[in-house]
N, C-alpha and C. Protein backbone atom coordinates (compact mmCIF):
# COMPACT_ATOMS: atom_id res chain seq x y z
N MET A 1 -8.67 -9.11 -20.04
CA MET A 1 -7.56 -9.09 -19.08
C MET A 1 -7.79 -10.18 -18.04
N SER A 2 -6.82 -11.07 -17.90
CA SER A 2 -7.02 -12.22 -17.02
C SER A 2 -6.24 -12.05 -15.72
N ASN A 3 -6.88 -11.51 -14.72
CA ASN A 3 -6.41 -11.53 -13.34
C ASN A 3 -4.92 -11.21 -13.18
N PRO A 4 -4.51 -9.98 -13.47
CA PRO A 4 -3.09 -9.64 -13.36
C PRO A 4 -2.58 -9.72 -11.93
N ARG A 5 -1.29 -9.99 -11.80
CA ARG A 5 -0.60 -10.05 -10.50
C ARG A 5 0.31 -8.83 -10.42
N ILE A 6 -0.07 -7.89 -9.57
CA ILE A 6 0.54 -6.55 -9.56
C ILE A 6 1.14 -6.26 -8.19
N LEU A 7 2.33 -5.70 -8.19
CA LEU A 7 2.95 -5.15 -6.98
C LEU A 7 2.97 -3.64 -7.12
N ILE A 8 2.48 -2.93 -6.10
CA ILE A 8 2.50 -1.47 -6.14
C ILE A 8 3.37 -0.96 -4.98
N LEU A 9 4.34 -0.12 -5.33
CA LEU A 9 5.29 0.43 -4.37
C LEU A 9 5.17 1.95 -4.33
N GLY A 10 5.48 2.51 -3.17
CA GLY A 10 5.45 3.96 -3.04
C GLY A 10 5.51 4.32 -1.57
N ALA A 11 5.98 5.53 -1.29
CA ALA A 11 6.09 5.99 0.09
C ALA A 11 4.71 6.26 0.68
N PRO A 12 4.63 6.38 2.00
CA PRO A 12 3.36 6.78 2.61
C PRO A 12 2.87 8.09 2.00
N GLY A 13 1.60 8.11 1.59
CA GLY A 13 1.04 9.30 0.97
C GLY A 13 1.16 9.35 -0.53
N ALA A 14 1.77 8.32 -1.13
CA ALA A 14 1.96 8.33 -2.59
C ALA A 14 0.68 8.02 -3.36
N GLY A 15 -0.31 7.45 -2.68
CA GLY A 15 -1.57 7.14 -3.35
C GLY A 15 -1.78 5.68 -3.66
N LYS A 16 -1.05 4.81 -2.99
CA LYS A 16 -1.16 3.38 -3.27
C LYS A 16 -2.57 2.84 -2.99
N GLY A 17 -3.16 3.31 -1.89
CA GLY A 17 -4.50 2.83 -1.55
C GLY A 17 -5.54 3.20 -2.58
N THR A 18 -5.52 4.46 -3.00
CA THR A 18 -6.48 4.94 -4.01
C THR A 18 -6.33 4.16 -5.31
N GLN A 19 -5.10 3.99 -5.77
CA GLN A 19 -4.89 3.31 -7.05
C GLN A 19 -5.11 1.80 -6.92
N SER A 20 -4.85 1.24 -5.75
CA SER A 20 -5.16 -0.18 -5.55
C SER A 20 -6.66 -0.41 -5.66
N ASP A 21 -7.45 0.51 -5.11
CA ASP A 21 -8.92 0.40 -5.22
C ASP A 21 -9.34 0.43 -6.69
N ASN A 22 -8.70 1.29 -7.48
CA ASN A 22 -9.01 1.35 -8.92
C ASN A 22 -8.68 0.04 -9.61
N LEU A 23 -7.53 -0.56 -9.25
CA LEU A 23 -7.12 -1.83 -9.86
C LEU A 23 -8.09 -2.95 -9.51
N VAL A 24 -8.52 -2.97 -8.26
CA VAL A 24 -9.47 -3.98 -7.81
C VAL A 24 -10.77 -3.87 -8.60
N GLU A 25 -11.26 -2.64 -8.75
CA GLU A 25 -12.53 -2.42 -9.45
C GLU A 25 -12.41 -2.74 -10.94
N GLU A 26 -11.30 -2.35 -11.54
CA GLU A 26 -11.14 -2.53 -12.98
C GLU A 26 -10.92 -3.99 -13.37
N TYR A 27 -10.12 -4.71 -12.59
CA TYR A 27 -9.70 -6.05 -13.01
C TYR A 27 -10.29 -7.19 -12.16
N GLY A 28 -11.07 -6.83 -11.13
CA GLY A 28 -11.70 -7.86 -10.32
C GLY A 28 -10.71 -8.71 -9.54
N ILE A 29 -9.62 -8.09 -9.07
CA ILE A 29 -8.57 -8.81 -8.35
C ILE A 29 -8.64 -8.45 -6.87
N ASP A 30 -7.86 -9.18 -6.06
CA ASP A 30 -7.83 -8.93 -4.62
C ASP A 30 -6.80 -7.85 -4.28
N HIS A 31 -7.12 -7.05 -3.26
CA HIS A 31 -6.17 -6.09 -2.71
C HIS A 31 -5.56 -6.72 -1.47
N ILE A 32 -4.29 -7.06 -1.54
CA ILE A 32 -3.62 -7.72 -0.43
C ILE A 32 -2.65 -6.74 0.23
N THR A 33 -2.91 -6.42 1.49
CA THR A 33 -1.99 -5.61 2.29
C THR A 33 -1.48 -6.46 3.44
N THR A 34 -0.29 -6.15 3.91
CA THR A 34 0.28 -6.92 5.01
C THR A 34 -0.62 -6.85 6.24
N GLY A 35 -1.08 -5.64 6.57
CA GLY A 35 -1.92 -5.48 7.75
C GLY A 35 -3.20 -6.30 7.67
N ASP A 36 -3.90 -6.21 6.53
CA ASP A 36 -5.15 -6.97 6.37
C ASP A 36 -4.88 -8.47 6.43
N ALA A 37 -3.79 -8.91 5.78
CA ALA A 37 -3.47 -10.35 5.76
C ALA A 37 -3.17 -10.85 7.16
N LEU A 38 -2.45 -10.05 7.95
CA LEU A 38 -2.14 -10.46 9.32
C LEU A 38 -3.40 -10.51 10.18
N ARG A 39 -4.26 -9.52 10.03
CA ARG A 39 -5.49 -9.51 10.84
C ARG A 39 -6.41 -10.66 10.46
N ALA A 40 -6.47 -10.97 9.17
CA ALA A 40 -7.35 -12.05 8.71
C ALA A 40 -6.83 -13.42 9.11
N ASN A 41 -5.51 -13.52 9.34
CA ASN A 41 -4.90 -14.82 9.65
C ASN A 41 -4.11 -14.77 10.96
N LYS A 42 -4.62 -14.00 11.91
CA LYS A 42 -3.84 -13.76 13.14
C LYS A 42 -3.65 -15.02 13.98
N ASP A 43 -4.48 -16.04 13.75
CA ASP A 43 -4.32 -17.29 14.50
C ASP A 43 -3.68 -18.40 13.68
N MET A 44 -3.15 -18.04 12.52
CA MET A 44 -2.50 -19.05 11.68
C MET A 44 -1.22 -19.54 12.35
N GLU A 45 -1.08 -20.84 12.48
CA GLU A 45 0.09 -21.43 13.13
C GLU A 45 1.28 -21.44 12.17
N THR A 46 2.40 -20.92 12.65
CA THR A 46 3.67 -21.03 11.93
C THR A 46 4.69 -21.60 12.91
N GLU A 47 5.84 -21.97 12.41
CA GLU A 47 6.85 -22.53 13.31
C GLU A 47 7.39 -21.47 14.27
N TYR A 48 7.06 -20.21 14.02
CA TYR A 48 7.51 -19.13 14.90
C TYR A 48 6.40 -18.63 15.82
N GLY A 49 5.22 -19.25 15.74
CA GLY A 49 4.08 -18.81 16.51
C GLY A 49 3.03 -18.16 15.62
N THR A 50 1.98 -17.63 16.22
CA THR A 50 0.91 -16.99 15.46
C THR A 50 1.13 -15.48 15.44
N PRO A 51 0.62 -14.80 14.39
CA PRO A 51 0.73 -13.33 14.38
C PRO A 51 0.10 -12.68 15.62
N ARG A 52 -0.99 -13.30 16.13
CA ARG A 52 -1.67 -12.72 17.30
C ARG A 52 -0.70 -12.54 18.48
N GLU A 53 0.17 -13.52 18.69
CA GLU A 53 1.09 -13.47 19.82
C GLU A 53 1.97 -12.23 19.76
N PHE A 54 2.45 -11.91 18.58
CA PHE A 54 3.31 -10.73 18.43
C PHE A 54 2.49 -9.44 18.49
N MET A 55 1.32 -9.45 17.85
CA MET A 55 0.49 -8.25 17.79
C MET A 55 0.01 -7.86 19.17
N GLU A 56 -0.42 -8.84 19.97
CA GLU A 56 -0.93 -8.53 21.31
C GLU A 56 0.19 -8.10 22.24
N ALA A 57 1.42 -8.53 21.95
CA ALA A 57 2.56 -8.11 22.76
C ALA A 57 3.11 -6.76 22.30
N GLY A 58 2.52 -6.22 21.24
CA GLY A 58 2.98 -4.94 20.71
C GLY A 58 4.32 -5.03 20.01
N GLU A 59 4.65 -6.23 19.55
CA GLU A 59 5.94 -6.45 18.89
C GLU A 59 5.77 -6.51 17.37
N LEU A 60 6.84 -6.20 16.67
CA LEU A 60 6.83 -6.31 15.21
C LEU A 60 6.75 -7.78 14.82
N VAL A 61 5.83 -8.10 13.94
CA VAL A 61 5.71 -9.49 13.48
C VAL A 61 6.94 -9.81 12.63
N PRO A 62 7.69 -10.86 12.97
CA PRO A 62 8.94 -11.14 12.25
C PRO A 62 8.69 -11.56 10.80
N ASP A 63 9.70 -11.32 9.97
CA ASP A 63 9.60 -11.60 8.54
C ASP A 63 9.10 -13.02 8.22
N PRO A 64 9.63 -14.07 8.86
CA PRO A 64 9.17 -15.41 8.49
C PRO A 64 7.67 -15.61 8.67
N VAL A 65 7.10 -14.99 9.70
CA VAL A 65 5.65 -15.10 9.92
C VAL A 65 4.90 -14.29 8.86
N VAL A 66 5.37 -13.06 8.62
CA VAL A 66 4.74 -12.22 7.59
C VAL A 66 4.79 -12.93 6.23
N ASN A 67 5.93 -13.53 5.93
CA ASN A 67 6.09 -14.22 4.65
C ASN A 67 5.04 -15.32 4.47
N GLU A 68 4.86 -16.13 5.50
CA GLU A 68 3.90 -17.23 5.41
C GLU A 68 2.48 -16.71 5.23
N ILE A 69 2.15 -15.64 5.95
CA ILE A 69 0.80 -15.07 5.86
C ILE A 69 0.55 -14.51 4.46
N VAL A 70 1.52 -13.77 3.93
CA VAL A 70 1.37 -13.20 2.60
C VAL A 70 1.29 -14.30 1.55
N GLU A 71 2.11 -15.32 1.68
CA GLU A 71 2.07 -16.42 0.73
C GLU A 71 0.70 -17.09 0.71
N ALA A 72 0.11 -17.29 1.88
CA ALA A 72 -1.23 -17.89 1.96
C ALA A 72 -2.26 -17.01 1.27
N ALA A 73 -2.14 -15.69 1.46
CA ALA A 73 -3.08 -14.76 0.83
C ALA A 73 -2.93 -14.78 -0.69
N LEU A 74 -1.70 -14.86 -1.17
CA LEU A 74 -1.45 -14.91 -2.61
C LEU A 74 -2.02 -16.18 -3.22
N GLU A 75 -1.87 -17.29 -2.51
CA GLU A 75 -2.37 -18.57 -3.02
C GLU A 75 -3.89 -18.57 -3.14
N ASP A 76 -4.55 -17.84 -2.25
CA ASP A 76 -6.02 -17.79 -2.27
C ASP A 76 -6.56 -16.80 -3.29
N ALA A 77 -5.70 -15.93 -3.82
CA ALA A 77 -6.15 -14.86 -4.71
C ALA A 77 -6.11 -15.28 -6.17
N ASP A 78 -7.15 -14.88 -6.90
CA ASP A 78 -7.19 -15.08 -8.35
C ASP A 78 -6.86 -13.75 -9.00
N GLY A 79 -5.58 -13.42 -9.00
CA GLY A 79 -5.13 -12.09 -9.38
C GLY A 79 -5.11 -11.20 -8.16
N PHE A 80 -4.15 -10.25 -8.11
CA PHE A 80 -4.03 -9.42 -6.90
C PHE A 80 -3.25 -8.15 -7.20
N VAL A 81 -3.44 -7.17 -6.30
CA VAL A 81 -2.52 -6.04 -6.20
C VAL A 81 -1.96 -6.10 -4.79
N LEU A 82 -0.66 -6.25 -4.70
CA LEU A 82 0.04 -6.41 -3.42
C LEU A 82 0.58 -5.05 -2.99
N ASP A 83 0.20 -4.63 -1.77
CA ASP A 83 0.45 -3.27 -1.31
C ASP A 83 1.04 -3.34 0.10
N GLY A 84 2.26 -2.80 0.28
CA GLY A 84 2.88 -2.79 1.61
C GLY A 84 3.83 -3.94 1.85
N TYR A 85 4.09 -4.74 0.85
CA TYR A 85 5.01 -5.88 0.92
C TYR A 85 5.53 -6.10 -0.49
N PRO A 86 6.82 -6.36 -0.66
CA PRO A 86 7.88 -6.53 0.33
C PRO A 86 8.44 -5.20 0.81
N ARG A 87 8.88 -5.19 2.07
CA ARG A 87 9.45 -3.99 2.68
C ARG A 87 10.97 -4.02 2.73
N ASN A 88 11.56 -5.17 2.44
CA ASN A 88 13.02 -5.27 2.48
C ASN A 88 13.46 -6.33 1.46
N LEU A 89 14.75 -6.44 1.26
CA LEU A 89 15.28 -7.33 0.21
C LEU A 89 15.09 -8.80 0.56
N ASP A 90 15.08 -9.15 1.84
CA ASP A 90 14.80 -10.53 2.22
C ASP A 90 13.39 -10.93 1.81
N GLN A 91 12.46 -10.02 2.00
CA GLN A 91 11.07 -10.29 1.59
C GLN A 91 10.95 -10.35 0.07
N VAL A 92 11.76 -9.56 -0.64
CA VAL A 92 11.78 -9.64 -2.10
C VAL A 92 12.18 -11.04 -2.55
N GLU A 93 13.20 -11.58 -1.92
CA GLU A 93 13.67 -12.91 -2.28
C GLU A 93 12.59 -13.96 -2.04
N PHE A 94 11.88 -13.83 -0.92
CA PHE A 94 10.80 -14.76 -0.63
C PHE A 94 9.68 -14.62 -1.66
N LEU A 95 9.32 -13.39 -1.99
CA LEU A 95 8.24 -13.14 -2.94
C LEU A 95 8.58 -13.70 -4.31
N ASP A 96 9.83 -13.56 -4.72
CA ASP A 96 10.26 -14.09 -6.02
C ASP A 96 10.01 -15.59 -6.11
N ASP A 97 10.20 -16.29 -4.99
CA ASP A 97 9.98 -17.74 -4.97
C ASP A 97 8.50 -18.10 -4.86
N ALA A 98 7.71 -17.18 -4.27
CA ALA A 98 6.31 -17.48 -3.97
C ALA A 98 5.39 -17.27 -5.17
N THR A 99 5.71 -16.31 -6.05
CA THR A 99 4.80 -16.00 -7.16
C THR A 99 5.55 -15.30 -8.28
N ASP A 100 4.93 -15.25 -9.44
CA ASP A 100 5.44 -14.47 -10.58
C ASP A 100 4.59 -13.22 -10.73
N LEU A 101 5.24 -12.08 -10.79
CA LEU A 101 4.54 -10.82 -10.92
C LEU A 101 4.41 -10.44 -12.39
N ASP A 102 3.26 -9.89 -12.76
CA ASP A 102 3.08 -9.38 -14.12
C ASP A 102 3.57 -7.94 -14.23
N VAL A 103 3.33 -7.16 -13.19
CA VAL A 103 3.65 -5.73 -13.23
C VAL A 103 4.16 -5.29 -11.86
N VAL A 104 5.24 -4.48 -11.86
CA VAL A 104 5.73 -3.83 -10.64
C VAL A 104 5.63 -2.32 -10.86
N LEU A 105 4.76 -1.67 -10.10
CA LEU A 105 4.51 -0.24 -10.22
C LEU A 105 5.20 0.51 -9.09
N TYR A 106 5.72 1.70 -9.40
CA TYR A 106 6.27 2.58 -8.37
C TYR A 106 5.70 3.97 -8.56
N LEU A 107 4.96 4.46 -7.56
CA LEU A 107 4.40 5.80 -7.61
C LEU A 107 5.44 6.78 -7.06
N ASP A 108 6.01 7.57 -7.95
CA ASP A 108 7.11 8.46 -7.61
C ASP A 108 6.55 9.83 -7.22
N VAL A 109 6.77 10.21 -5.95
CA VAL A 109 6.27 11.48 -5.42
C VAL A 109 7.38 12.11 -4.59
N SER A 110 7.59 13.44 -4.73
CA SER A 110 8.64 14.12 -3.99
C SER A 110 8.33 14.14 -2.49
N LYS A 111 9.38 14.31 -1.69
CA LYS A 111 9.20 14.30 -0.23
C LYS A 111 8.30 15.45 0.22
N ASP A 112 8.49 16.65 -0.34
CA ASP A 112 7.66 17.79 0.07
C ASP A 112 6.19 17.54 -0.22
N GLU A 113 5.91 16.96 -1.38
CA GLU A 113 4.52 16.65 -1.74
C GLU A 113 3.95 15.60 -0.80
N LEU A 114 4.75 14.61 -0.46
CA LEU A 114 4.30 13.56 0.46
C LEU A 114 3.94 14.16 1.82
N VAL A 115 4.79 15.05 2.33
CA VAL A 115 4.51 15.68 3.62
C VAL A 115 3.22 16.49 3.55
N ASP A 116 3.03 17.22 2.44
CA ASP A 116 1.82 18.02 2.25
C ASP A 116 0.58 17.12 2.28
N ARG A 117 0.68 16.00 1.60
CA ARG A 117 -0.47 15.09 1.55
C ARG A 117 -0.76 14.47 2.92
N LEU A 118 0.29 14.02 3.59
CA LEU A 118 0.10 13.32 4.86
C LEU A 118 -0.41 14.24 5.96
N THR A 119 0.14 15.47 6.04
CA THR A 119 -0.27 16.37 7.11
C THR A 119 -1.66 16.96 6.86
N GLY A 120 -2.14 16.88 5.63
CA GLY A 120 -3.46 17.41 5.32
C GLY A 120 -4.58 16.40 5.48
N ARG A 121 -4.25 15.16 5.83
CA ARG A 121 -5.28 14.14 5.96
C ARG A 121 -6.10 14.35 7.23
N ARG A 122 -7.39 14.10 7.11
CA ARG A 122 -8.29 14.13 8.26
C ARG A 122 -9.18 12.88 8.19
N VAL A 123 -9.52 12.36 9.35
CA VAL A 123 -10.33 11.14 9.39
C VAL A 123 -11.49 11.37 10.35
N CYS A 124 -12.65 10.83 10.01
CA CYS A 124 -13.82 10.95 10.86
C CYS A 124 -13.65 10.03 12.07
N ASP A 125 -13.83 10.59 13.28
CA ASP A 125 -13.65 9.77 14.48
C ASP A 125 -14.85 8.88 14.76
N GLU A 126 -15.89 9.00 13.92
CA GLU A 126 -17.07 8.15 14.08
C GLU A 126 -17.06 6.98 13.08
N CYS A 127 -16.95 7.30 11.78
CA CYS A 127 -17.09 6.24 10.76
C CYS A 127 -15.79 5.92 10.03
N GLY A 128 -14.73 6.71 10.26
CA GLY A 128 -13.43 6.40 9.66
C GLY A 128 -13.23 6.90 8.24
N THR A 129 -14.19 7.65 7.69
CA THR A 129 -14.04 8.19 6.34
C THR A 129 -12.87 9.17 6.29
N ASN A 130 -12.06 9.07 5.22
CA ASN A 130 -10.88 9.91 5.08
C ASN A 130 -11.15 11.12 4.20
N TYR A 131 -10.54 12.24 4.55
CA TYR A 131 -10.61 13.47 3.78
C TYR A 131 -9.22 14.08 3.69
N HIS A 132 -9.10 15.14 2.90
CA HIS A 132 -7.86 15.92 2.85
C HIS A 132 -8.24 17.38 2.74
N VAL A 133 -7.58 18.21 3.54
CA VAL A 133 -7.98 19.62 3.59
C VAL A 133 -7.80 20.32 2.26
N LYS A 134 -6.89 19.81 1.41
CA LYS A 134 -6.61 20.43 0.12
C LYS A 134 -7.22 19.66 -1.04
N TYR A 135 -7.05 18.34 -1.05
CA TYR A 135 -7.41 17.54 -2.22
C TYR A 135 -8.82 16.93 -2.14
N ASN A 136 -9.33 16.73 -0.93
CA ASN A 136 -10.65 16.11 -0.79
C ASN A 136 -11.33 16.64 0.47
N PRO A 137 -11.63 17.96 0.48
CA PRO A 137 -12.19 18.55 1.71
C PRO A 137 -13.67 18.17 1.89
N PRO A 138 -14.14 18.17 3.13
CA PRO A 138 -15.57 17.95 3.37
C PRO A 138 -16.37 19.19 2.98
N GLU A 139 -17.67 19.02 2.85
CA GLU A 139 -18.50 20.17 2.49
C GLU A 139 -18.44 21.23 3.59
N GLU A 140 -18.44 20.79 4.83
CA GLU A 140 -18.32 21.70 5.97
C GLU A 140 -17.04 21.39 6.71
N GLU A 141 -16.19 22.40 6.90
CA GLU A 141 -14.89 22.18 7.51
C GLU A 141 -15.01 21.48 8.86
N GLY A 142 -14.26 20.39 9.02
CA GLY A 142 -14.21 19.68 10.29
C GLY A 142 -15.36 18.73 10.56
N VAL A 143 -16.28 18.60 9.56
CA VAL A 143 -17.46 17.76 9.77
C VAL A 143 -17.56 16.72 8.65
N CYS A 144 -17.77 15.47 9.01
CA CYS A 144 -17.86 14.39 8.04
C CYS A 144 -19.13 14.49 7.20
N ASP A 145 -18.98 14.42 5.89
CA ASP A 145 -20.13 14.45 5.00
C ASP A 145 -21.04 13.26 5.21
N ARG A 146 -20.44 12.12 5.53
CA ARG A 146 -21.20 10.86 5.60
C ARG A 146 -22.05 10.75 6.85
N CYS A 147 -21.46 11.06 8.02
CA CYS A 147 -22.20 10.80 9.27
C CYS A 147 -22.27 12.00 10.19
N GLY A 148 -21.59 13.10 9.86
CA GLY A 148 -21.63 14.28 10.71
C GLY A 148 -20.65 14.24 11.86
N GLY A 149 -19.78 13.23 11.88
CA GLY A 149 -18.80 13.12 12.95
C GLY A 149 -17.70 14.17 12.83
N GLU A 150 -16.91 14.28 13.89
CA GLU A 150 -15.81 15.24 13.90
C GLU A 150 -14.62 14.69 13.13
N LEU A 151 -14.01 15.56 12.32
CA LEU A 151 -12.80 15.16 11.58
C LEU A 151 -11.58 15.52 12.41
N ILE A 152 -10.69 14.55 12.58
CA ILE A 152 -9.51 14.75 13.40
C ILE A 152 -8.25 14.46 12.60
N GLN A 153 -7.13 15.02 13.05
CA GLN A 153 -5.84 14.68 12.48
C GLN A 153 -5.22 13.59 13.35
N ARG A 154 -4.88 12.48 12.73
CA ARG A 154 -4.29 11.38 13.47
C ARG A 154 -2.89 11.75 13.93
N ASP A 155 -2.45 11.12 15.01
CA ASP A 155 -1.11 11.39 15.55
C ASP A 155 -0.02 11.14 14.52
N ASP A 156 -0.24 10.13 13.65
CA ASP A 156 0.81 9.80 12.68
C ASP A 156 0.71 10.65 11.42
N ASP A 157 -0.13 11.70 11.43
CA ASP A 157 -0.22 12.62 10.30
C ASP A 157 0.34 14.00 10.60
N THR A 158 1.02 14.15 11.75
CA THR A 158 1.72 15.40 12.02
C THR A 158 2.97 15.47 11.14
N GLU A 159 3.52 16.68 10.95
CA GLU A 159 4.67 16.82 10.05
C GLU A 159 5.87 16.01 10.55
N GLU A 160 6.13 16.06 11.86
CA GLU A 160 7.28 15.32 12.40
C GLU A 160 7.14 13.83 12.12
N THR A 161 5.95 13.29 12.40
CA THR A 161 5.74 11.86 12.19
C THR A 161 5.75 11.52 10.72
N ALA A 162 5.18 12.40 9.89
CA ALA A 162 5.16 12.16 8.45
C ALA A 162 6.58 12.05 7.90
N ARG A 163 7.45 12.96 8.32
CA ARG A 163 8.84 12.92 7.84
C ARG A 163 9.56 11.67 8.34
N GLU A 164 9.25 11.24 9.57
CA GLU A 164 9.86 10.02 10.10
C GLU A 164 9.41 8.80 9.28
N ARG A 165 8.13 8.75 8.93
CA ARG A 165 7.60 7.62 8.14
C ARG A 165 8.26 7.57 6.76
N ILE A 166 8.46 8.74 6.17
CA ILE A 166 9.10 8.79 4.85
C ILE A 166 10.55 8.34 4.95
N GLU A 167 11.24 8.75 6.02
CA GLU A 167 12.63 8.34 6.21
C GLU A 167 12.74 6.83 6.37
N VAL A 168 11.81 6.24 7.12
CA VAL A 168 11.81 4.78 7.29
C VAL A 168 11.62 4.10 5.94
N PHE A 169 10.71 4.63 5.12
CA PHE A 169 10.51 4.07 3.79
C PHE A 169 11.79 4.17 2.96
N GLU A 170 12.43 5.33 3.00
CA GLU A 170 13.64 5.52 2.19
C GLU A 170 14.76 4.57 2.63
N GLU A 171 14.89 4.35 3.93
CA GLU A 171 15.95 3.48 4.44
C GLU A 171 15.66 2.01 4.16
N ASN A 172 14.42 1.60 4.38
CA ASN A 172 14.09 0.17 4.33
C ASN A 172 13.60 -0.31 2.96
N THR A 173 12.77 0.51 2.31
CA THR A 173 12.06 0.02 1.13
C THR A 173 12.58 0.57 -0.18
N MET A 174 13.27 1.71 -0.17
CA MET A 174 13.85 2.19 -1.43
C MET A 174 14.82 1.17 -2.04
N PRO A 175 15.58 0.38 -1.23
CA PRO A 175 16.38 -0.68 -1.84
C PRO A 175 15.54 -1.69 -2.62
N VAL A 176 14.28 -1.90 -2.20
CA VAL A 176 13.37 -2.78 -2.94
C VAL A 176 13.06 -2.16 -4.30
N VAL A 177 12.76 -0.86 -4.30
CA VAL A 177 12.49 -0.15 -5.55
C VAL A 177 13.70 -0.24 -6.47
N GLU A 178 14.89 -0.02 -5.92
CA GLU A 178 16.11 -0.07 -6.72
C GLU A 178 16.34 -1.48 -7.27
N HIS A 179 16.01 -2.50 -6.49
CA HIS A 179 16.17 -3.88 -6.95
C HIS A 179 15.34 -4.13 -8.21
N TYR A 180 14.08 -3.73 -8.17
CA TYR A 180 13.22 -3.95 -9.33
C TYR A 180 13.62 -3.06 -10.51
N ARG A 181 14.15 -1.88 -10.20
CA ARG A 181 14.65 -1.01 -11.28
C ARG A 181 15.84 -1.68 -11.98
N GLU A 182 16.76 -2.22 -11.19
CA GLU A 182 17.93 -2.89 -11.76
C GLU A 182 17.54 -4.14 -12.55
N GLU A 183 16.45 -4.78 -12.11
CA GLU A 183 15.96 -5.96 -12.83
C GLU A 183 15.30 -5.60 -14.16
N GLY A 184 15.02 -4.31 -14.34
CA GLY A 184 14.40 -3.85 -15.58
C GLY A 184 12.91 -4.07 -15.67
N VAL A 185 12.27 -4.30 -14.50
CA VAL A 185 10.83 -4.58 -14.51
C VAL A 185 10.01 -3.46 -13.86
N LEU A 186 10.68 -2.44 -13.33
CA LEU A 186 9.97 -1.38 -12.61
C LEU A 186 9.29 -0.43 -13.58
N GLU A 187 8.01 -0.20 -13.36
CA GLU A 187 7.24 0.77 -14.13
C GLU A 187 7.03 2.00 -13.25
N GLU A 188 7.74 3.09 -13.56
CA GLU A 188 7.68 4.28 -12.73
C GLU A 188 6.56 5.21 -13.21
N ILE A 189 5.69 5.58 -12.27
CA ILE A 189 4.54 6.41 -12.55
C ILE A 189 4.71 7.75 -11.83
N ASP A 190 4.45 8.84 -12.54
CA ASP A 190 4.50 10.16 -11.93
C ASP A 190 3.31 10.32 -10.99
N GLY A 191 3.57 10.14 -9.69
CA GLY A 191 2.49 10.17 -8.72
C GLY A 191 2.04 11.55 -8.33
N GLU A 192 2.64 12.60 -8.90
CA GLU A 192 2.24 13.96 -8.57
C GLU A 192 1.18 14.50 -9.52
N GLN A 193 0.79 13.70 -10.49
CA GLN A 193 -0.33 14.07 -11.35
C GLN A 193 -1.64 13.97 -10.56
N SER A 194 -2.73 14.36 -11.19
CA SER A 194 -4.03 14.16 -10.55
C SER A 194 -4.29 12.66 -10.43
N PRO A 195 -5.13 12.23 -9.47
CA PRO A 195 -5.43 10.81 -9.32
C PRO A 195 -5.92 10.17 -10.62
N ASP A 196 -6.72 10.90 -11.40
CA ASP A 196 -7.23 10.35 -12.66
C ASP A 196 -6.10 10.15 -13.67
N GLU A 197 -5.15 11.09 -13.71
CA GLU A 197 -4.02 10.97 -14.63
C GLU A 197 -3.10 9.82 -14.21
N VAL A 198 -2.89 9.69 -12.90
CA VAL A 198 -2.09 8.57 -12.40
C VAL A 198 -2.75 7.25 -12.80
N TRP A 199 -4.05 7.17 -12.61
CA TRP A 199 -4.77 5.95 -12.93
C TRP A 199 -4.69 5.63 -14.43
N ALA A 200 -4.79 6.64 -15.27
CA ALA A 200 -4.70 6.41 -16.72
C ALA A 200 -3.36 5.81 -17.08
N ASP A 201 -2.28 6.33 -16.47
CA ASP A 201 -0.94 5.79 -16.74
C ASP A 201 -0.81 4.36 -16.24
N ILE A 202 -1.35 4.10 -15.05
CA ILE A 202 -1.29 2.74 -14.49
C ILE A 202 -2.04 1.76 -15.37
N LYS A 203 -3.23 2.13 -15.79
CA LYS A 203 -4.04 1.22 -16.61
C LYS A 203 -3.34 0.91 -17.93
N ASP A 204 -2.71 1.91 -18.52
CA ASP A 204 -1.97 1.67 -19.77
C ASP A 204 -0.85 0.65 -19.55
N VAL A 205 -0.14 0.79 -18.45
CA VAL A 205 0.97 -0.12 -18.15
C VAL A 205 0.46 -1.53 -17.90
N VAL A 206 -0.57 -1.65 -17.09
CA VAL A 206 -1.10 -2.98 -16.76
C VAL A 206 -1.64 -3.66 -18.00
N ASP A 207 -2.38 -2.93 -18.82
CA ASP A 207 -2.93 -3.52 -20.03
C ASP A 207 -1.83 -3.99 -20.97
N GLU A 208 -0.71 -3.28 -20.96
CA GLU A 208 0.40 -3.63 -21.86
C GLU A 208 1.22 -4.79 -21.31
N ARG A 209 1.46 -4.79 -20.00
CA ARG A 209 2.40 -5.75 -19.42
C ARG A 209 1.76 -7.06 -18.99
N ALA A 210 0.52 -7.02 -18.53
CA ALA A 210 -0.12 -8.23 -18.01
C ALA A 210 -0.58 -9.10 -19.19
N ASP A 211 -0.67 -10.39 -18.93
CA ASP A 211 -1.11 -11.31 -19.98
C ASP A 211 -2.55 -11.04 -20.35
N PRO A 212 -2.90 -11.08 -21.63
CA PRO A 212 -4.30 -10.84 -22.03
C PRO A 212 -5.17 -12.04 -21.65
């Protein structure tokens, strides 16, 4: 398998991070997320300014800046899984010009399941290790297995915030999913299976669709 170029789509809580890690390990490719790309290139000069200027002002980094940052990350990557971009149809158009994708994956998970996953997440306030009260609990409730730190629920993992995040995804990014579906390139994966079953389906798709 020669360095596939993969786009992974899915709502918050769908499992994109877990499966992106599997893709990175299996195929030796880069995991490119918008947040990581912006942080790694926060001083990159664009005609609209640097990402740092917007980030320090607490403002949303505008699409043209995000586009340039993502394009630079793609150019540096020898195969990749792109996670968290594109978020809208304008970004889709830019991405189409910037690179050719081998596989477009969509992890399909119901809203109720997404809320269950998001509200059950806990993170260690010392080392940042993630857990889930149902799917990946610590050995001792409320205590990190790795460092013994306290496990907390982040503000953005409450039910109200979780539902708001899902609504934002449905409004902004579901049109991206529909675009790739209409193009006939979307590979829909049942994201409500176990992580191992989801991974097995993803690997089958990638092995079939990506160039050998």
